[in-house]
Protein backbone atom coordinates (compact mmCIF):
# COMPACT_ATOMS: atom_id res chain seq x y z
CA LYS A 1 -12.74 7.37 -19.99
CA MET A 2 -10.42 10.21 -20.85
CA GLY A 3 -6.97 10.57 -22.43
CA ALA A 4 -4.73 7.52 -22.07
CA LEU A 5 -7.54 5.68 -20.27
CA GLN A 6 -9.58 5.36 -23.50
CA ASP A 7 -7.46 2.51 -24.88
CA ASP A 8 -7.73 -0.64 -22.71
CA ALA A 9 -4.16 -1.80 -23.43
CA LYS A 10 -2.69 1.61 -22.57
CA CYS A 11 -4.98 1.85 -19.56
CA LYS A 12 -3.76 -1.55 -18.29
CA ALA A 13 -0.12 -0.55 -18.77
CA TYR A 14 -0.76 2.74 -16.97
CA ALA A 15 -2.52 0.91 -14.12
CA VAL A 16 0.40 -1.50 -13.68
CA GLU A 17 2.82 1.41 -13.59
CA VAL A 18 0.72 3.27 -11.01
CA ARG A 19 0.46 0.16 -8.81
CA GLU A 20 4.21 -0.40 -8.95
CA VAL A 21 4.95 3.24 -8.10
CA LEU A 22 2.53 3.17 -5.16
CA ALA A 23 4.13 -0.04 -3.87
CA ASP A 24 7.61 1.48 -4.20
CA LEU A 25 6.54 4.61 -2.30
CA GLY A 26 5.60 2.56 0.75
CA PRO A 27 2.79 1.74 3.15
CA ALA A 28 0.91 5.07 3.12
CA PHE A 29 0.74 5.08 -0.67
CA ILE A 30 -0.20 1.40 -0.77
CA LYS A 31 -3.10 2.23 1.57
CA ALA A 32 -4.16 5.08 -0.74
CA GLY A 33 -4.11 2.69 -3.71
CA GLN A 34 -6.17 0.18 -1.73
CA ALA A 35 -8.73 2.88 -0.97
CA LEU A 36 -8.93 3.86 -4.65
CA SER A 37 -9.31 0.21 -5.68
CA ILE A 38 -12.94 0.23 -4.52
CA ARG A 39 -13.97 3.47 -6.24
CA PRO A 40 -15.61 2.61 -9.59
CA ASP A 41 -16.99 6.15 -9.64
CA LEU A 42 -13.43 7.47 -10.03
CA LEU A 43 -11.49 4.87 -12.03
CA PRO A 44 -12.11 2.44 -14.89
CA GLU A 45 -12.51 -1.25 -14.07
CA VAL A 46 -9.11 -2.23 -15.50
CA VAL A 47 -7.42 0.22 -13.10
CA LEU A 48 -9.53 -0.96 -10.17
CA LYS A 49 -8.52 -4.57 -10.79
CA GLU A 50 -4.84 -3.66 -10.90
CA LEU A 51 -5.04 -1.58 -7.72
CA GLN A 52 -6.86 -4.42 -5.98
CA ARG A 53 -3.59 -6.34 -6.25
CA LEU A 54 -2.32 -3.96 -3.57
CA CYS A 55 -4.88 -5.53 -1.24
CA ASP A 56 -3.77 -9.10 -1.90
CA ASP A 57 -0.19 -8.91 -3.10
CA CYS A 58 1.67 -5.98 -1.57
CA PRO A 59 5.30 -6.16 -0.56
CA ALA A 60 5.95 -7.11 3.05
CA ILE A 61 8.41 -5.39 5.33
CA THR A 62 10.23 -7.04 8.19
CA TRP A 63 9.52 -6.20 11.82
CA ALA A 64 13.09 -4.86 12.06
CA GLU A 65 12.39 -2.39 9.24
CA ALA A 66 9.05 -1.36 10.75
CA ARG A 67 10.56 -0.94 14.22
CA ALA A 68 13.46 1.14 12.88
CA THR A 69 11.06 3.40 10.98
CA LEU A 70 8.79 3.86 13.98
CA GLU A 71 11.70 4.63 16.30
CA ALA A 72 13.18 7.10 13.80
CA GLU A 73 9.83 8.86 13.45
CA LEU A 74 9.17 8.91 17.20
CA GLY A 75 12.72 9.91 18.08
CA GLN A 76 12.88 7.31 20.84
CA SER A 77 12.77 3.56 21.36
CA LEU A 78 9.43 1.78 21.27
CA GLY A 79 10.08 0.50 24.79
CA ASP A 80 10.07 4.11 25.99
CA VAL A 81 6.75 4.81 24.25
CA PHE A 82 4.78 1.64 24.96
CA ALA A 83 4.44 -0.07 28.34
CA ASP A 84 4.21 -3.53 26.77
CA LEU A 85 5.50 -4.50 23.35
CA ASP A 86 5.95 -8.08 22.18
CA ASP A 87 8.29 -8.52 19.21
CA SER A 88 6.80 -11.89 18.28
CA PRO A 89 4.23 -11.98 15.45
CA GLN A 90 0.59 -11.90 16.57
CA PRO A 91 -2.38 -13.03 14.46
CA VAL A 92 -4.59 -10.06 13.57
CA ALA A 93 -7.56 -9.40 11.37
CA ALA A 94 -6.79 -6.24 9.44
């Protein structure tokens, strides 16, 4: 442990802050936090446990938000990109 990570209480507070920032930054950063949550060679256990909350308890976005983001990034409607797209929720194992 180095710097602020030496004190467990400060480390926990720092970990909570990092998790919240990652969640606020959106899906790509949440995924990065999830990837770090299984790296005990890089981070102390208290940080790992906090980042693991991103695996179980991350904020959801609506399909409308996801669709709007995808269409904005692609510069066209999803119907123009994909031959078949069903807007109803589908069960998936992710």
